[in-house]
Every structure is written in C-alpha cells, then in structure tokens.
Protein backbone atom coordinates (compact mmCIF):
# COMPACT_ATOMS: atom_id res chain seq x y z
CA MET A 1 89.07 130.01 58.79
CA LEU A 2 89.26 127.13 61.36
CA MET A 3 85.72 126.05 60.22
CA LEU A 4 86.92 125.91 56.49
CA ASN A 5 90.03 123.91 57.47
CA GLY A 6 87.74 121.53 59.46
CA ARG A 7 85.36 120.95 56.47
CA ARG A 8 88.28 120.36 54.16
CA ILE A 9 89.70 117.79 56.39
CA GLN A 10 86.33 116.15 56.68
CA LYS A 11 85.99 116.16 52.96
CA PHE A 12 89.45 114.65 52.42
CA CYS A 13 88.75 111.97 55.13
CA ALA A 14 85.49 111.04 53.34
CA ALA A 15 87.13 110.99 49.92
CA LEU A 16 89.85 108.72 51.34
CA VAL A 17 87.45 106.43 52.75
CA ALA A 18 85.34 106.13 49.69
CA LEU A 19 88.44 105.54 47.55
CA SER A 20 90.22 103.22 49.87
CA PRO A 21 88.34 100.11 48.68
CA LEU A 22 89.42 100.90 45.11
CA LEU A 23 93.02 101.45 45.91
CA LEU A 24 93.30 98.34 48.01
CA ALA A 25 91.50 96.22 45.30
CA SER A 26 93.94 97.68 42.69
CA VAL A 27 96.89 96.75 44.96
CA ALA A 28 95.52 93.32 45.62
CA PHE A 29 94.95 92.66 42.01
CA ALA A 30 98.39 94.00 41.03
CA ALA A 31 100.07 91.86 43.74
CA GLY A 32 98.14 88.74 42.42
CA GLY A 33 99.94 88.87 39.04
CA GLY A 34 97.05 86.89 37.35
CA ASP A 35 99.05 83.92 37.16
CA HIS A 36 96.97 81.78 39.58
CA HIS A 37 93.73 82.31 40.61
CA ALA A 38 93.44 81.24 44.10
CA ASP A 39 90.27 81.68 45.66
CA SER A 40 89.36 85.09 44.35
CA GLY A 41 85.98 85.23 46.09
CA ALA A 42 87.69 84.60 49.54
CA LEU A 43 90.29 87.25 48.76
CA ILE A 44 87.62 89.87 47.86
CA LYS A 45 85.50 88.88 50.87
CA ASP A 46 88.61 89.45 53.09
CA PHE A 47 89.40 92.67 51.26
CA ILE A 48 85.80 93.86 51.78
CA TRP A 49 85.85 93.03 55.55
CA ARG A 50 89.28 94.93 55.80
CA VAL A 51 87.84 97.93 54.03
CA VAL A 52 84.73 97.93 56.33
CA ASN A 53 86.99 97.61 59.32
CA PHE A 54 89.06 100.52 57.99
CA VAL A 55 86.07 102.71 57.34
CA ILE A 56 84.61 102.04 60.69
CA LEU A 57 88.02 102.82 62.27
CA VAL A 58 88.38 106.17 60.29
CA GLY A 59 84.59 106.86 61.13
CA ILE A 60 85.23 106.29 64.95
CA VAL A 61 88.36 108.44 64.80
CA VAL A 62 86.59 111.29 63.01
CA TRP A 63 83.65 111.12 65.41
CA ALA A 64 85.86 111.03 68.48
CA LEU A 65 87.78 114.02 67.27
CA LYS A 66 84.62 115.98 66.60
CA LYS A 67 83.12 114.82 69.93
CA ALA A 68 86.24 115.71 71.77
CA ASN A 69 86.60 118.99 70.08
CA LEU A 70 90.31 118.84 71.04
CA LYS A 71 91.13 122.36 70.05
CA GLY A 72 88.10 123.88 71.65
CA SER A 73 88.83 122.02 74.99
CA LEU A 74 92.38 122.75 74.96
CA ALA A 75 91.49 126.41 74.29
CA GLU A 76 88.81 126.37 77.10
CA ARG A 77 91.40 124.69 79.24
CA GLN A 78 94.05 127.42 78.56
CA ALA A 79 91.58 130.15 78.99
CA ALA A 80 90.46 128.70 82.42
CA ILE A 81 94.08 128.43 83.44
CA GLU A 82 94.89 132.06 82.40
CA LYS A 83 91.81 133.17 84.22
CA ASN A 84 92.87 131.27 87.41
CA LEU A 85 96.36 132.77 87.18
CA ARG A 86 94.89 136.32 86.80
CA GLU A 87 92.65 135.68 89.79
CA ALA A 88 95.56 134.30 91.76
CA ARG A 89 97.73 137.39 90.94
CA ALA A 90 94.89 139.61 91.83
CA ALA A 91 94.34 137.80 95.16
CA ARG A 92 98.23 137.98 95.82
CA ASP A 93 98.31 141.66 95.05
CA ALA A 94 95.19 142.32 97.33
CA ALA A 95 96.73 140.23 100.12
CA GLU A 96 100.11 142.15 99.71
CA ALA A 97 98.10 145.44 99.90
CA LYS A 98 96.28 144.32 102.89
CA LEU A 99 99.54 143.18 104.50
CA VAL A 100 100.99 146.60 103.83
CA GLU A 101 98.00 148.36 105.17
CA TYR A 102 97.88 146.39 108.33
CA THR A 103 101.59 146.70 108.85
CA GLY A 104 101.18 150.40 108.68
CA LYS A 105 98.23 150.42 111.03
CA LEU A 106 100.24 148.26 113.48
CA ASP A 107 103.13 150.61 113.31
CA LYS A 108 100.86 153.50 113.96
CA ALA A 109 99.19 151.80 116.87
CA ASN A 110 102.58 150.99 118.38
CA GLN A 111 103.65 154.64 117.90
CA GLU A 112 100.41 155.86 119.59
CA ILE A 113 100.90 153.26 122.46
CA GLU A 114 104.44 154.54 122.95
CA GLN A 115 103.19 158.26 122.93
CA LEU A 116 100.49 157.35 125.46
CA ARG A 117 103.08 155.62 127.73
CA ALA A 118 105.45 158.59 127.51
CA ALA A 119 102.49 161.05 128.29
CA MET A 120 101.25 158.93 131.20
CA LEU A 121 104.89 158.71 132.60
CA GLN A 122 105.17 162.36 132.19
CA ASP A 123 101.73 163.05 133.81
CA ALA A 124 102.79 160.68 136.69
CA GLU A 125 106.02 162.50 137.26
CA ALA A 126 104.26 165.81 137.30
CA GLU A 127 101.73 164.40 139.75
CA LYS A 128 104.53 163.33 141.98
CA GLN A 129 106.19 166.59 141.82
CA ARG A 130 102.83 168.27 142.67
CA ILE A 131 102.27 166.06 145.64
CA VAL A 132 105.74 166.40 146.99
CA ALA A 133 105.43 170.31 146.58
CA GLU A 134 102.06 170.24 148.41
CA ALA A 135 103.55 168.09 151.20
CA ARG A 136 106.57 170.37 151.64
CA GLU A 137 104.20 173.33 151.68
CA ALA A 138 101.95 171.65 154.27
CA ALA A 139 105.04 170.72 156.30
CA ALA A 140 106.38 174.28 156.21
CA LYS A 141 102.90 175.53 157.23
CA ILE A 142 102.71 173.11 160.18
CA ALA A 143 106.36 174.03 161.13
CA ALA A 144 105.34 177.85 160.95
CA GLN A 145 102.24 177.03 163.07
CA ALA A 146 104.13 175.19 165.62
CA ALA A 147 106.70 177.91 165.86
CA GLN A 148 104.08 180.53 166.10
CA SER A 149 102.26 178.56 168.78
CA ALA A 150 105.51 177.95 170.68
CA GLU A 151 106.41 181.74 170.50
CA GLN A 152 102.91 182.58 171.67
CA GLU A 153 103.30 180.14 174.78
CA VAL A 154 106.75 181.74 175.44
CA VAL A 155 105.19 185.12 175.26
CA LYS A 156 102.31 184.06 177.62
CA ALA A 157 104.79 182.35 180.02
CA ARG A 158 106.88 185.61 180.10
CA ALA A 159 103.78 187.71 180.61
CA ALA A 160 102.56 185.46 183.45
CA LEU A 161 106.05 185.52 185.05
CA ARG A 162 106.26 189.35 184.66
CA ALA A 163 102.83 189.58 186.24
CA GLU A 164 103.77 187.44 189.08
CA ALA A 165 107.13 189.22 189.59
CA ALA A 166 105.35 192.54 189.46
CA GLN A 167 102.86 191.19 192.01
CA LEU A 168 105.61 190.24 194.35
CA ALA A 169 107.39 193.43 193.82
CA VAL A 170 104.25 195.18 194.69
CA GLU A 171 103.71 193.24 197.82
CA LEU A 172 107.14 193.63 198.79
CA ALA A 173 106.93 197.38 198.28
CA ALA A 174 103.76 197.75 200.15
CA GLY A 175 105.36 196.18 203.13
CA ARG A 176 102.88 193.53 203.68
CA LEU A 177 105.63 191.07 203.95
CA SER A 178 108.12 193.37 205.70
CA GLY A 179 107.69 191.71 208.99
CA ALA A 180 107.39 188.10 207.82
CA VAL A 181 110.13 188.29 204.95
CA GLN A 182 113.66 187.95 206.26
CA LYS A 183 116.79 188.62 204.23
CA ALA A 184 117.06 184.97 203.24
CA ASP A 185 113.47 184.79 202.03
CA HIS A 186 113.98 187.99 200.13
CA ASP A 187 117.15 186.68 198.50
CA ARG A 188 115.28 183.35 197.61
CA PHE A 189 112.46 185.35 195.89
CA VAL A 190 114.86 187.37 193.92
CA GLN A 191 116.79 184.22 192.92
CA ASP A 192 113.45 182.40 191.83
CA TYR A 193 112.44 185.40 189.95
CA LEU A 194 115.80 185.69 188.16
CA GLY A 195 115.77 181.94 187.36
CA LYS A 196 112.43 182.10 185.83
CA VAL A 197 113.20 185.13 183.73
CA GLY A 198 116.40 183.23 182.66
CA GLN A 199 114.47 180.22 181.37
CA LEU A 200 112.54 182.39 179.06
C-alpha cells in the first residue's frame, strides 16, 4: 500500500514538472494581454530558466526524499528506541530481581551469624559451668584428702601417745623406776600424759 502511494506521488510530481512549463507559459501569455510586445524572446528565455530551476528544485527534493527514506528511517529509529526501552526494562527487572535475591541472602547470612553467635555464647557458658563444676569437684576432693590425711595423722599421733603411755605404764608397773621415781616425778608423768591425750 505504501509502495503504491509512493508511486502515485512520484507520478503526480513528474506530471506536475512536465506540465509546469505549459501552465507558466499560459499564465505569462495571459498576463501579457497582447497589447504590447515587449521583448518576448527575453520573457520566454526567462520563463524557460525559471521552469528549469523549478524542475531541478523539484528533482532535488524528490531525490532527497527518496534518499533520506524519511518514513523508513523514522520507523527504524522508533524500532531502535522501543528495543532500547525493552532492553532497559529487562535490565531494570533483572537488577531488581538480583537486589531482592542478594537482600534475601544477606538477611539469611545475618540470621546465620546471629545463630552462630548465640550458639557460641551458649557453648562458652556451658564450658564455663563445666570448668567451675570440675574446679569445685577438685577442691572438694583436695579438701577431703586433706581432712583424711589430717585424721590419719591424728590417729597416728594418738596411737603413738598411747604406745608411749602404755610403755611408761608398763615401766612403772614393773618397778624399774620404783626407786628412782619419786612422787613429784610420778605426778609430772601423769600430767604430761593427760596433757598429750587432751591435745588429741
């Protein structure tokens, strides 16, 4: 359809160019009125030059319009702009999707970091409680061992004192000291014995 309209326009322009000398000649002849014949050769020559200039001008305009292919270039430009707009929209949509994706990943990473931190704090607290419990248990064992050792030392000391007291009693009973021990010595031995037993 566009091709047919273009051909019709070309035919119309060609017919206009072809008929323009005749139209201009008839207008010039009618304007002359026929009363006086001024230099008609000069007028015709001037008219022909004007027609030639007009034809050249119309030819240049037609050639320029064909060469420029104004409709085609405008359609191509419009198509290129629409394509660029589609590509820009697609790029924007892709960028927004990436933004949403990376925002989600960042939020998930922050949650994981927070969970790891909470787990580490919980583990640290549990480790602290375990160490404190072990220290208390070790302290209790050391205290029990110290008490047991002290008790064993007391038992040993009592046994030694009893053995010594028994030995003294045997010696006194046997009479070995009967002549050498006087009443004051006897009282002193008994007092020493009672004092040592009282310390236990």
